[in-house]
Protein backbone atom coordinates (compact mmCIF):
# COMPACT_ATOMS: atom_id res chain seq x y z
CA UNK A 1 -0.13 -0.25 0.03
CA UNK A 2 1.31 3.28 -0.78
CA UNK A 3 1.79 6.12 1.80
CA UNK A 4 -1.29 8.00 0.03
CA UNK A 5 -3.10 5.10 0.64
CA UNK A 6 -2.29 4.63 4.13
CA UNK A 7 -3.12 8.26 5.09
CA UNK A 8 -6.43 7.89 3.24
CA UNK A 9 -7.00 4.67 5.23
CA UNK A 10 -5.88 6.15 8.55
CA UNK A 11 -8.15 9.33 7.86
CA UNK A 12 -11.39 6.70 7.38
CA UNK A 13 -10.38 5.08 10.46
CA UNK A 14 -10.01 8.64 12.29
CA UNK A 15 -13.63 9.53 11.00
CA UNK A 16 -15.08 6.12 12.23
CA UNK A 17 -13.56 6.07 16.01
CA UNK A 18 -14.39 9.83 16.52
CA UNK A 19 -17.99 9.39 15.63
CA UNK A 20 -20.29 10.19 18.74
CA UNK A 21 -17.26 11.56 20.77
CA UNK A 22 -16.94 14.98 22.04
CA UNK A 23 -15.48 17.82 19.78
CA UNK A 24 -13.41 18.93 22.76
CA UNK A 25 -9.60 18.69 21.86
CA UNK A 26 -7.75 17.00 24.22
CA UNK A 27 -4.20 18.81 22.85
CA UNK A 28 -5.46 22.22 22.24
CA UNK A 29 -4.08 24.90 20.27
CA UNK A 30 -3.27 28.82 21.15
CA UNK A 31 -1.68 31.34 19.08
CA UNK A 32 0.98 33.22 21.06
CA UNK A 33 4.63 33.36 20.21
CA UNK A 34 6.72 34.61 17.61
CA UNK A 35 7.06 32.93 14.22
CA UNK A 36 10.59 31.05 13.59
CA UNK A 37 12.66 31.86 10.95
CA UNK A 38 13.13 28.28 10.35
CA UNK A 39 10.30 25.72 11.22
CA UNK A 40 12.03 22.59 10.52
CA UNK A 41 14.88 23.84 13.04
CA UNK A 42 12.31 24.60 15.58
CA UNK A 43 10.67 21.27 15.14
CA UNK A 44 13.58 19.41 15.94
CA UNK A 45 14.45 21.55 18.79
CA UNK A 46 11.00 20.98 20.39
CA UNK A 47 11.35 17.27 19.59
CA UNK A 48 14.50 17.26 21.72
CA UNK A 49 12.83 19.31 24.11
CA UNK A 50 9.89 16.71 24.58
CA UNK A 51 11.93 13.69 23.96
CA UNK A 52 10.39 12.79 20.70
CA UNK A 53 12.69 10.22 18.73
CA UNK A 54 10.89 10.16 15.48
CA UNK A 55 8.23 8.14 17.00
CA UNK A 56 10.37 5.11 16.35
CA UNK A 57 8.76 3.15 19.58
CA UNK A 58 5.47 3.44 17.71
CA UNK A 59 6.36 1.73 14.73
CA UNK A 60 6.50 -2.13 14.08
CA UNK A 61 8.65 -4.29 14.69
CA UNK A 62 9.79 -2.56 17.77
CA UNK A 63 6.56 -1.48 19.45
CA UNK A 64 6.72 -0.46 22.90
CA UNK A 65 3.59 1.05 24.13
CA UNK A 66 4.65 2.58 27.10
CA UNK A 67 7.38 4.58 25.39
CA UNK A 68 5.06 5.24 22.30
CA UNK A 69 2.65 6.92 24.52
CA UNK A 70 5.27 9.25 26.17
CA UNK A 71 6.59 10.25 22.46
CA UNK A 72 2.82 10.76 21.45
CA UNK A 73 2.03 12.85 24.22
CA UNK A 74 5.43 14.95 23.81
CA UNK A 75 5.15 15.10 19.96
CA UNK A 76 1.74 16.40 20.63
CA UNK A 77 3.25 19.19 22.92
CA UNK A 78 6.07 19.92 20.07
CA UNK A 79 3.28 20.26 17.29
CA UNK A 80 1.35 22.56 19.53
CA UNK A 81 4.30 24.83 20.06
CA UNK A 82 5.25 24.65 16.47
CA UNK A 83 1.77 25.51 15.69
CA UNK A 84 1.73 28.52 17.91
CA UNK A 85 4.75 29.98 16.46
CA UNK A 86 3.97 29.69 13.00
CA UNK A 87 0.44 31.15 13.55
CA UNK A 88 1.54 34.04 15.69
CA UNK A 89 1.72 36.30 12.79
CA UNK A 90 -1.88 35.69 10.97
CA UNK A 91 -0.52 37.28 7.59
CA UNK A 92 2.56 34.89 7.36
CA UNK A 93 0.29 31.80 8.46
CA UNK A 94 -2.29 32.37 5.83
CA UNK A 95 0.66 32.02 3.15
CA UNK A 96 3.98 30.88 4.04
CA UNK A 97 3.02 28.25 6.70
CA UNK A 98 -0.51 27.16 5.76
CA UNK A 99 0.72 23.50 4.60
CA UNK A 100 2.52 23.41 8.08
CA UNK A 101 -0.58 24.42 10.00
CA UNK A 102 -2.69 21.65 7.93
CA UNK A 103 -0.51 18.88 8.69
CA UNK A 104 -0.12 20.00 12.54
CA UNK A 105 -3.85 19.75 12.65
CA UNK A 106 -3.63 16.25 11.04
CA UNK A 107 -0.98 15.03 13.52
CA UNK A 108 -2.98 16.57 16.68
CA UNK A 109 -6.32 14.86 15.36
CA UNK A 110 -4.53 11.60 15.19
CA UNK A 111 -3.05 11.60 18.66
CA UNK A 112 -6.41 13.05 20.00
CA UNK A 113 -8.38 10.03 18.56
CA UNK A 114 -5.71 7.58 20.25
CA UNK A 115 -6.03 9.55 23.36
CA UNK A 116 -9.87 9.41 23.60
CA UNK A 117 -9.75 5.66 22.20
CA UNK A 118 -7.71 4.90 25.15
CA UNK A 119 -4.66 3.58 22.90
CA UNK A 120 -1.37 2.66 24.94
CA UNK A 121 -2.70 3.85 28.28
CA UNK A 122 -2.93 7.48 26.84
CA UNK A 123 -6.95 8.13 27.94
CA UNK A 124 -9.24 6.40 29.97
CA UNK A 125 -9.90 2.50 28.80
CA UNK A 126 -12.01 2.40 25.73
CA UNK A 127 -15.52 0.53 26.28
CA UNK A 128 -15.42 -0.13 22.70
CA UNK A 129 -12.98 -3.07 21.71
CA UNK A 130 -12.83 -2.09 18.14
CA UNK A 131 -11.28 1.29 18.76
CA UNK A 132 -8.43 -0.75 20.94
CA UNK A 133 -7.75 -3.05 17.80
CA UNK A 134 -7.07 0.10 15.77
CA UNK A 135 -4.32 1.76 17.91
CA UNK A 136 -1.63 0.20 16.03
CA UNK A 137 -2.98 1.51 12.75
CA UNK A 138 -3.57 4.79 14.36
CA UNK A 139 0.16 4.87 15.75
CA UNK A 140 1.32 4.23 12.33
CA UNK A 141 -0.85 7.21 10.68
CA UNK A 142 0.88 9.46 13.50
CA UNK A 143 4.33 8.18 12.63
CA UNK A 144 3.51 9.19 8.78
CA UNK A 145 1.92 12.23 9.87
CA UNK A 146 5.00 12.96 11.82
CA UNK A 147 7.35 12.55 8.96
CA UNK A 148 5.39 14.48 6.78
CA UNK A 149 5.46 17.29 9.04
CA UNK A 150 9.19 16.99 9.38
CA UNK A 151 9.58 17.10 5.61
CA UNK A 152 7.05 20.13 5.13
CA UNK A 153 8.66 22.19 8.27
CA UNK A 154 12.22 21.59 6.69
CA UNK A 155 10.65 22.60 3.29
CA UNK A 156 11.16 19.51 1.41
C-alpha cells in the first residue's frame, strides 16, 4: 500500500473512531509566540525538548506501548508549540506556513483520537474493543503524519 493509501485509510479510521465523541480537543492550540525563521529547526528543537525520537517506538516491529505513549504526548506538545509559533503572525501563517498548520492539525487529530480511544494507556480505557484494535493503525498514521510534518517544516 502506498503512503497516500495509508493516509486515506487512516483518515477514514479517524472519522469512524471519532463518531459520537466529544469535539473537545484533548491537545489544544493557542496562538502566542513569534513565528520562527526556520520551522524545521524549531520542530527538531521542540522534538528534543519533549523527548520525541521520531516516534520510532510506535513503529513495528519495535512497538513499545509505554514509550510510544510518552513520545506521542511529547510530539503533541511539540506540534502545539510549532503551530503556535507559525500562526503568531496571521498574515505569514495564511501564506508561508499554511501547509505546516494543516499537517500539524492532522497530527494533533490523530493523537487526540488515540487519547480518546484509550490507546496505549493515553486516556481512559475504551469501552469499544474495536477502537483498541485500531491503535496500531492509528500509531502508524501518527508516525507517517509526523514524518510528513518534518518534511513540510523543513521545506522538503
